[in-house]
C-alpha cells in the first residue's frame, strides 16, 4: 500500500451514474445484517429456482411477513370458539 493516495481527480458518488442511482433510489435503504449461513444458502437456492436475486427474495419474504397479521393468543382463542 502507498503511504498517501491522490484523490484530487476522484469523482463523488453522485457524479457517477450507477452510484448516484443507488443513493437516490427511493423506498430502499442499504443496511448490514447478519444472517445464518443456512438461511443464505436456502434463499440463494430458492431465488435461483425462481430466477430472482436472493436479496430480492429475502425482501419479498420480509414484506409478506410484515404485512400479514400475526396470530396471537386472543385471535387463536376466538377462532377456536367459532369452530
PDB file of N, CA and C in Angstrom:
ATOM      1  N   UNK A   1       0.840  -1.185   0.000  1.00  0.00           N
ATOM      2  CA  UNK A   1       0.000   0.000   0.000  1.00  0.00           C
ATOM      3  C   UNK A   1       0.878   1.238   0.000  1.00  0.00           C
ATOM      4  N   UNK A   2       0.349   2.271  -0.582  1.00  0.00           N
ATOM      5  CA  UNK A   2       1.075   3.536  -0.614  1.00  0.00           C
ATOM      6  C   UNK A   2       0.920   4.263   0.712  1.00  0.00           C
ATOM      7  N   UNK A   3       1.853   5.141   0.959  1.00  0.00           N
ATOM      8  CA  UNK A   3       1.765   5.990   2.156  1.00  0.00           C
ATOM      9  C   UNK A   3       0.597   6.969   2.012  1.00  0.00           C
ATOM     10  N   UNK A   4       0.465   7.546   0.789  1.00  0.00           N
ATOM     11  CA  UNK A   4      -0.596   8.522   0.533  1.00  0.00           C
ATOM     12  C   UNK A   4      -1.210   8.254  -0.834  1.00  0.00           C
ATOM     13  N   UNK A   5      -2.467   8.628  -0.986  1.00  0.00           N
ATOM     14  CA  UNK A   5      -3.161   8.474  -2.250  1.00  0.00           C
ATOM     15  C   UNK A   5      -3.630   9.846  -2.717  1.00  0.00           C
ATOM     16  N   UNK A   6      -3.668  10.039  -4.023  1.00  0.00           N
ATOM     17  CA  UNK A   6      -4.099  11.313  -4.598  1.00  0.00           C
ATOM     18  C   UNK A   6      -5.563  11.197  -5.015  1.00  0.00           C
ATOM     19  N   UNK A   7      -6.430  11.867  -4.298  1.00  0.00           N
ATOM     20  CA  UNK A   7      -7.862  11.853  -4.598  1.00  0.00           C
ATOM     21  C   UNK A   7      -8.311  13.128  -5.304  1.00  0.00           C
ATOM     22  N   UNK A   8      -7.375  13.911  -5.801  1.00  0.00           N
ATOM     23  CA  UNK A   8      -7.721  15.201  -6.406  1.00  0.00           C
ATOM     24  C   UNK A   8      -8.602  15.036  -7.651  1.00  0.00           C
ATOM     25  N   UNK A   9      -8.492  13.914  -8.354  1.00  0.00           N
ATOM     26  CA  UNK A   9      -9.294  13.694  -9.564  1.00  0.00           C
ATOM     27  C   UNK A   9     -10.449  12.723  -9.318  1.00  0.00           C
ATOM     28  N   UNK A  10     -10.676  12.383  -8.079  1.00  0.00           N
ATOM     29  CA  UNK A  10     -11.752  11.448  -7.744  1.00  0.00           C
ATOM     30  C   UNK A  10     -13.111  12.097  -7.958  1.00  0.00           C
ATOM     31  N   UNK A  11     -14.085  11.276  -8.334  1.00  0.00           N
ATOM     32  CA  UNK A  11     -15.454  11.765  -8.518  1.00  0.00           C
ATOM     33  C   UNK A  11     -16.281  11.391  -7.298  1.00  0.00           C
ATOM     34  N   UNK A  12     -17.241  12.221  -6.990  1.00  0.00           N
ATOM     35  CA  UNK A  12     -18.180  11.912  -5.926  1.00  0.00           C
ATOM     36  C   UNK A  12     -19.192  10.897  -6.454  1.00  0.00           C
ATOM     37  N   UNK A  13     -19.754  10.100  -5.552  1.00  0.00           N
ATOM     38  CA  UNK A  13     -20.713   9.060  -5.952  1.00  0.00           C
ATOM     39  C   UNK A  13     -21.876   9.656  -6.737  1.00  0.00           C
ATOM     40  N   UNK A  14     -22.313  10.855  -6.376  1.00  0.00           N
ATOM     41  CA  UNK A  14     -23.452  11.468  -7.068  1.00  0.00           C
ATOM     42  C   UNK A  14     -23.125  11.830  -8.515  1.00  0.00           C
ATOM     43  N   UNK A  15     -21.807  11.889  -8.868  1.00  0.00           N
ATOM     44  CA  UNK A  15     -21.397  12.212 -10.233  1.00  0.00           C
ATOM     45  C   UNK A  15     -21.156  10.973 -11.097  1.00  0.00           C
ATOM     46  N   UNK A  16     -21.285   9.794 -10.516  1.00  0.00           N
ATOM     47  CA  UNK A  16     -21.133   8.538 -11.261  1.00  0.00           C
ATOM     48  C   UNK A  16     -22.536   7.929 -11.366  1.00  0.00           C
ATOM     49  N   UNK A  17     -23.085   7.860 -12.592  1.00  0.00           N
ATOM     50  CA  UNK A  17     -24.500   7.495 -12.755  1.00  0.00           C
ATOM     51  C   UNK A  17     -24.980   6.266 -11.982  1.00  0.00           C
ATOM     52  N   UNK A  18     -24.284   5.147 -12.075  1.00  0.00           N
ATOM     53  CA  UNK A  18     -24.785   3.947 -11.397  1.00  0.00           C
ATOM     54  C   UNK A  18     -24.668   4.056  -9.881  1.00  0.00           C
ATOM     55  N   UNK A  19     -23.717   4.834  -9.372  1.00  0.00           N
ATOM     56  CA  UNK A  19     -23.625   5.047  -7.928  1.00  0.00           C
ATOM     57  C   UNK A  19     -24.656   6.061  -7.460  1.00  0.00           C
ATOM     58  N   UNK A  20     -24.906   7.061  -8.284  1.00  0.00           N
ATOM     59  CA  UNK A  20     -25.914   8.066  -7.942  1.00  0.00           C
ATOM     60  C   UNK A  20     -27.290   7.425  -7.830  1.00  0.00           C
ATOM     61  N   UNK A  21     -27.582   6.460  -8.703  1.00  0.00           N
ATOM     62  CA  UNK A  21     -28.874   5.769  -8.659  1.00  0.00           C
ATOM     63  C   UNK A  21     -29.036   5.015  -7.352  1.00  0.00           C
ATOM     64  N   UNK A  22     -27.982   4.409  -6.861  1.00  0.00           N
ATOM     65  CA  UNK A  22     -28.063   3.681  -5.596  1.00  0.00           C
ATOM     66  C   UNK A  22     -28.365   4.612  -4.434  1.00  0.00           C
ATOM     67  N   UNK A  23     -27.867   5.820  -4.507  1.00  0.00           N
ATOM     68  CA  UNK A  23     -28.075   6.771  -3.414  1.00  0.00           C
ATOM     69  C   UNK A  23     -29.443   7.423  -3.451  1.00  0.00           C
ATOM     70  N   UNK A  24     -30.053   7.514  -4.626  1.00  0.00           N
ATOM     71  CA  UNK A  24     -31.324   8.229  -4.730  1.00  0.00           C
ATOM     72  C   UNK A  24     -32.519   7.311  -4.911  1.00  0.00           C
ATOM     73  N   UNK A  25     -32.297   6.011  -5.000  1.00  0.00           N
ATOM     74  CA  UNK A  25     -33.399   5.074  -5.189  1.00  0.00           C
ATOM     75  C   UNK A  25     -34.341   5.167  -3.994  1.00  0.00           C
ATOM     76  N   UNK A  26     -35.550   5.614  -4.271  1.00  0.00           N
ATOM     77  CA  UNK A  26     -36.498   5.818  -3.181  1.00  0.00           C
ATOM     78  C   UNK A  26     -37.100   4.501  -2.724  1.00  0.00           C
ATOM     79  N   UNK A  27     -37.373   4.420  -1.452  1.00  0.00           N
ATOM     80  CA  UNK A  27     -38.040   3.259  -0.920  1.00  0.00           C
ATOM     81  C   UNK A  27     -37.108   2.150  -0.480  1.00  0.00           C
ATOM     82  N   UNK A  28     -35.813   2.349  -0.621  1.00  0.00           N
ATOM     83  CA  UNK A  28     -34.863   1.326  -0.191  1.00  0.00           C
ATOM     84  C   UNK A  28     -33.747   1.976   0.604  1.00  0.00           C
ATOM     85  N   UNK A  29     -33.241   1.229   1.575  1.00  0.00           N
ATOM     86  CA  UNK A  29     -32.139   1.694   2.410  1.00  0.00           C
ATOM     87  C   UNK A  29     -31.108   0.586   2.506  1.00  0.00           C
ATOM     88  N   UNK A  30     -29.853   0.937   2.302  1.00  0.00           N
ATOM     89  CA  UNK A  30     -28.775  -0.043   2.423  1.00  0.00           C
ATOM     90  C   UNK A  30     -28.497  -0.277   3.900  1.00  0.00           C
ATOM     91  N   UNK A  31     -28.474  -1.556   4.302  1.00  0.00           N
ATOM     92  CA  UNK A  31     -28.172  -1.921   5.681  1.00  0.00           C
ATOM     93  C   UNK A  31     -27.178  -3.075   5.698  1.00  0.00           C
ATOM     94  N   UNK A  32     -26.645  -3.340   6.848  1.00  0.00           N
ATOM     95  CA  UNK A  32     -25.813  -4.527   7.047  1.00  0.00           C
ATOM     96  C   UNK A  32     -26.533  -5.395   8.055  1.00  0.00           C
ATOM     97  N   UNK A  33     -26.675  -6.678   7.735  1.00  0.00           N
ATOM     98  CA  UNK A  33     -27.397  -7.592   8.610  1.00  0.00           C
ATOM     99  C   UNK A  33     -26.662  -8.930   8.633  1.00  0.00           C
ATOM    100  N   UNK A  34     -26.639  -9.562   9.779  1.00  0.00           N
ATOM    101  CA  UNK A  34     -26.000 -10.866   9.913  1.00  0.00           C
ATOM    102  C   UNK A  34     -27.082 -11.941   9.885  1.00  0.00           C
ATOM    103  N   UNK A  35     -26.950 -12.885   8.957  1.00  0.00           N
ATOM    104  CA  UNK A  35     -27.892 -13.997   8.843  1.00  0.00           C
ATOM    105  C   UNK A  35     -27.115 -15.302   8.898  1.00  0.00           C
ATOM    106  N   UNK A  36     -27.776 -16.358   9.358  1.00  0.00           N
ATOM    107  CA  UNK A  36     -27.140 -17.672   9.408  1.00  0.00           C
ATOM    108  C   UNK A  36     -26.785 -18.132   7.988  1.00  0.00           C
ATOM    109  N   UNK A  37     -25.692 -18.851   7.871  1.00  0.00           N
ATOM    110  CA  UNK A  37     -25.259 -19.366   6.566  1.00  0.00           C
ATOM    111  C   UNK A  37     -26.336 -20.235   5.928  1.00  0.00           C
ATOM    112  N   UNK A  38     -27.038 -21.038   6.739  1.00  0.00           N
ATOM    113  CA  UNK A  38     -28.094 -21.902   6.209  1.00  0.00           C
ATOM    114  C   UNK A  38     -29.247 -21.085   5.631  1.00  0.00           C
ATOM    115  N   UNK A  39     -29.540 -19.961   6.243  1.00  0.00           N
ATOM    116  CA  UNK A  39     -30.611 -19.086   5.741  1.00  0.00           C
ATOM    117  C   UNK A  39     -30.215 -18.541   4.376  1.00  0.00           C
ATOM    118  N   UNK A  40     -28.983 -18.073   4.260  1.00  0.00           N
ATOM    119  CA  UNK A  40     -28.498 -17.531   2.990  1.00  0.00           C
ATOM    120  C   UNK A  40     -28.496 -18.618   1.906  1.00  0.00           C
ATOM    121  N   UNK A  41     -28.007 -19.808   2.253  1.00  0.00           N
ATOM    122  CA  UNK A  41     -27.996 -20.919   1.283  1.00  0.00           C
ATOM    123  C   UNK A  41     -29.406 -21.214   0.787  1.00  0.00           C
ATOM    124  N   UNK A  42     -30.337 -21.277   1.719  1.00  0.00           N
ATOM    125  CA  UNK A  42     -31.719 -21.586   1.379  1.00  0.00           C
ATOM    126  C   UNK A  42     -32.307 -20.531   0.440  1.00  0.00           C
ATOM    127  N   UNK A  43     -32.100 -19.267   0.769  1.00  0.00           N
ATOM    128  CA  UNK A  43     -32.643 -18.191  -0.067  1.00  0.00           C
ATOM    129  C   UNK A  43     -31.964 -18.153  -1.427  1.00  0.00           C
ATOM    130  N   UNK A  44     -30.656 -18.422  -1.472  1.00  0.00           N
ATOM    131  CA  UNK A  44     -29.960 -18.441  -2.764  1.00  0.00           C
ATOM    132  C   UNK A  44     -30.500 -19.550  -3.653  1.00  0.00           C
ATOM    133  N   UNK A  45     -30.741 -20.718  -3.079  1.00  0.00           N
ATOM    134  CA  UNK A  45     -31.274 -21.849  -3.840  1.00  0.00           C
ATOM    135  C   UNK A  45     -32.678 -21.537  -4.363  1.00  0.00           C
ATOM    136  N   UNK A  46     -33.540 -21.057  -3.468  1.00  0.00           N
ATOM    137  CA  UNK A  46     -34.916 -20.732  -3.874  1.00  0.00           C
ATOM    138  C   UNK A  46     -34.951 -19.612  -4.900  1.00  0.00           C
ATOM    139  N   UNK A  47     -34.080 -18.616  -4.716  1.00  0.00           N
ATOM    140  CA  UNK A  47     -34.036 -17.487  -5.639  1.00  0.00           C
ATOM    141  C   UNK A  47     -33.574 -17.945  -7.024  1.00  0.00           C
ATOM    142  N   UNK A  48     -32.596 -18.835  -7.052  1.00  0.00           N
ATOM    143  CA  UNK A  48     -32.100 -19.356  -8.330  1.00  0.00           C
ATOM    144  C   UNK A  48     -33.204 -20.112  -9.066  1.00  0.00           C
ATOM    145  N   UNK A  49     -33.974 -20.894  -8.325  1.00  0.00           N
ATOM    146  CA  UNK A  49     -35.070 -21.651  -8.927  1.00  0.00           C
ATOM    147  C   UNK A  49     -36.144 -20.728  -9.498  1.00  0.00           C
ATOM    148  N   UNK A  50     -36.347 -19.577  -8.849  1.00  0.00           N
ATOM    149  CA  UNK A  50     -37.370 -18.630  -9.299  1.00  0.00           C
ATOM    150  C   UNK A  50     -36.825 -17.595 -10.277  1.00  0.00           C
ATOM    151  N   UNK A  51     -35.513 -17.598 -10.489  1.00  0.00           N
ATOM    152  CA  UNK A  51     -34.907 -16.637 -11.408  1.00  0.00           C
ATOM    153  C   UNK A  51     -34.825 -15.240 -10.820  1.00  0.00           C
ATOM    154  N   UNK A  52     -34.648 -15.164  -9.511  1.00  0.00           N
ATOM    155  CA  UNK A  52     -34.549 -13.879  -8.803  1.00  0.00           C
ATOM    156  C   UNK A  52     -33.200 -13.778  -8.115  1.00  0.00           C
ATOM    157  N   UNK A  53     -32.900 -12.596  -7.628  1.00  0.00           N
ATOM    158  CA  UNK A  53     -31.748 -12.426  -6.758  1.00  0.00           C
ATOM    159  C   UNK A  53     -32.152 -12.829  -5.347  1.00  0.00           C
ATOM    160  N   UNK A  54     -31.205 -13.345  -4.580  1.00  0.00           N
ATOM    161  CA  UNK A  54     -31.570 -13.807  -3.234  1.00  0.00           C
ATOM    162  C   UNK A  54     -31.964 -12.645  -2.322  1.00  0.00           C
ATOM    163  N   UNK A  55     -31.368 -11.479  -2.517  1.00  0.00           N
ATOM    164  CA  UNK A  55     -31.745 -10.331  -1.691  1.00  0.00           C
ATOM    165  C   UNK A  55     -33.163  -9.881  -2.014  1.00  0.00           C
ATOM    166  N   UNK A  56     -33.537  -9.973  -3.274  1.00  0.00           N
ATOM    167  CA  UNK A  56     -34.915  -9.648  -3.682  1.00  0.00           C
ATOM    168  C   UNK A  56     -35.893 -10.602  -3.017  1.00  0.00           C
ATOM    169  N   UNK A  57     -35.547 -11.886  -2.999  1.00  0.00           N
ATOM    170  CA  UNK A  57     -36.420 -12.887  -2.377  1.00  0.00           C
ATOM    171  C   UNK A  57     -36.532 -12.663  -0.868  1.00  0.00           C
ATOM    172  N   UNK A  58     -35.426 -12.333  -0.221  1.00  0.00           N
ATOM    173  CA  UNK A  58     -35.466 -12.031   1.213  1.00  0.00           C
ATOM    174  C   UNK A  58     -36.363 -10.824   1.450  1.00  0.00           C
ATOM    175  N   UNK A  59     -36.246  -9.795   0.613  1.00  0.00           N
ATOM    176  CA  UNK A  59     -37.072  -8.595   0.753  1.00  0.00           C
ATOM    177  C   UNK A  59     -38.549  -8.926   0.571  1.00  0.00           C
ATOM    178  N   UNK A  60     -38.875  -9.725  -0.441  1.00  0.00           N
ATOM    179  CA  UNK A  60     -40.272 -10.121  -0.673  1.00  0.00           C
ATOM    180  C   UNK A  60     -40.824 -10.912   0.508  1.00  0.00           C
ATOM    181  N   UNK A  61     -40.003 -11.798   1.058  1.00  0.00           N
ATOM    182  CA  UNK A  61     -40.429 -12.616   2.200  1.00  0.00           C
ATOM    183  C   UNK A  61     -40.691 -11.742   3.420  1.00  0.00           C
ATOM    184  N   UNK A  62     -39.799 -10.801   3.681  1.00  0.00           N
ATOM    185  CA  UNK A  62     -39.986  -9.903   4.823  1.00  0.00           C
ATOM    186  C   UNK A  62     -41.211  -9.012   4.633  1.00  0.00           C
ATOM    187  N   UNK A  63     -41.438  -8.547   3.396  1.00  0.00           N
ATOM    188  CA  UNK A  63     -42.628  -7.731   3.110  1.00  0.00           C
ATOM    189  C   UNK A  63     -43.900  -8.521   3.376  1.00  0.00           C
ATOM    190  N   UNK A  64     -43.936  -9.760   2.880  1.00  0.00           N
ATOM    191  CA  UNK A  64     -45.123 -10.605   3.058  1.00  0.00           C
ATOM    192  C   UNK A  64     -45.381 -10.865   4.537  1.00  0.00           C
ATOM    193  N   UNK A  65     -44.312 -11.140   5.283  1.00  0.00           N
ATOM    194  CA  UNK A  65     -44.459 -11.406   6.713  1.00  0.00           C
ATOM    195  C   UNK A  65     -44.916 -10.158   7.459  1.00  0.00           C
ATOM    196  N   UNK A  66     -44.341  -9.019   7.141  1.00  0.00           N
ATOM    197  CA  UNK A  66     -44.677  -7.801   7.880  1.00  0.00           C
ATOM    198  C   UNK A  66     -46.078  -7.295   7.563  1.00  0.00           C
ATOM    199  N   UNK A  67     -46.605  -7.644   6.381  1.00  0.00           N
ATOM    200  CA  UNK A  67     -47.953  -7.189   6.046  1.00  0.00           C
ATOM    201  C   UNK A  67     -49.030  -8.174   6.490  1.00  0.00           C
ATOM    202  N   UNK A  68     -48.637  -9.386   6.867  1.00  0.00           N
ATOM    203  CA  UNK A  68     -49.622 -10.364   7.329  1.00  0.00           C
ATOM    204  C   UNK A  68     -49.897 -10.140   8.809  1.00  0.00           C
ATOM    205  N   UNK A  69     -51.107 -10.508   9.210  1.00  0.00           N
ATOM    206  CA  UNK A  69     -51.424 -10.352  10.628  1.00  0.00           C
ATOM    207  C   UNK A  69     -50.827 -11.523  11.401  1.00  0.00           C
ATOM    208  N   UNK A  70     -50.276 -11.208  12.527  1.00  0.00           N
ATOM    209  CA  UNK A  70     -49.669 -12.227  13.369  1.00  0.00           C
ATOM    210  C   UNK A  70     -50.749 -12.826  14.269  1.00  0.00           C
ATOM    211  N   UNK A  71     -50.760 -14.132  14.340  1.00  0.00           N
ATOM    212  CA  UNK A  71     -51.747 -14.810  15.168  1.00  0.00           C
ATOM    213  C   UNK A  71     -51.287 -14.741  16.619  1.00  0.00           C
ATOM    214  N   UNK A  72     -52.062 -14.072  17.440  1.00  0.00           N
ATOM    215  CA  UNK A  72     -51.743 -14.033  18.864  1.00  0.00           C
ATOM    216  C   UNK A  72     -52.744 -14.907  19.624  1.00  0.00           C
ATOM    217  N   UNK A  73     -52.566 -15.008  20.904  1.00  0.00           N
ATOM    218  CA  UNK A  73     -53.403 -15.894  21.720  1.00  0.00           C
ATOM    219  C   UNK A  73     -54.877 -15.511  21.644  1.00  0.00           C
ATOM    220  N   UNK A  74     -55.176 -14.222  21.671  1.00  0.00           N
ATOM    221  CA  UNK A  74     -56.564 -13.765  21.629  1.00  0.00           C
ATOM    222  C   UNK A  74     -57.244 -14.184  20.329  1.00  0.00           C
ATOM    223  N   UNK A  75     -56.574 -13.971  19.213  1.00  0.00           N
ATOM    224  CA  UNK A  75     -57.138 -14.350  17.924  1.00  0.00           C
ATOM    225  C   UNK A  75     -57.301 -15.863  17.823  1.00  0.00           C
ATOM    226  N   UNK A  76     -56.330 -16.595  18.301  1.00  0.00           N
ATOM    227  CA  UNK A  76     -56.401 -18.052  18.266  1.00  0.00           C
ATOM    228  C   UNK A  76     -57.587 -18.560  19.071  1.00  0.00           C
ATOM    229  N   UNK A  77     -57.799 -18.016  20.275  1.00  0.00           N
ATOM    230  CA  UNK A  77     -58.946 -18.425  21.091  1.00  0.00           C
ATOM    231  C   UNK A  77     -60.264 -18.106  20.404  1.00  0.00           C
ATOM    232  N   UNK A  78     -60.333 -16.948  19.757  1.00  0.00           N
ATOM    233  CA  UNK A  78     -61.552 -16.549  19.042  1.00  0.00           C
ATOM    234  C   UNK A  78     -61.863 -17.530  17.915  1.00  0.00           C
ATOM    235  N   UNK A  79     -60.858 -17.897  17.143  1.00  0.00           N
ATOM    236  CA  UNK A  79     -61.041 -18.824  16.021  1.00  0.00           C
ATOM    237  C   UNK A  79     -61.485 -20.195  16.549  1.00  0.00           C
ATOM    238  N   UNK A  80     -60.878 -20.655  17.619  1.00  0.00           N
ATOM    239  CA  UNK A  80     -61.233 -21.974  18.194  1.00  0.00           C
ATOM    240  C   UNK A  80     -62.676 -21.962  18.679  1.00  0.00           C
ATOM    241  N   UNK A  81     -63.121 -20.861  19.322  1.00  0.00           N
ATOM    242  CA  UNK A  81     -64.505 -20.773  19.804  1.00  0.00           C
ATOM    243  C   UNK A  81     -65.481 -20.811  18.656  1.00  0.00           C
ATOM    244  N   UNK A  82     -65.129 -20.187  17.530  1.00  0.00           N
ATOM    245  CA  UNK A  82     -66.020 -20.149  16.368  1.00  0.00           C
ATOM    246  C   UNK A  82     -66.142 -21.526  15.716  1.00  0.00           C
ATOM    247  N   UNK A  83     -65.123 -22.335  15.829  1.00  0.00           N
ATOM    248  CA  UNK A  83     -65.139 -23.670  15.239  1.00  0.00           C
ATOM    249  C   UNK A  83     -66.076 -24.511  16.074  1.00  0.00           C
TER     250      UNK A  83
END
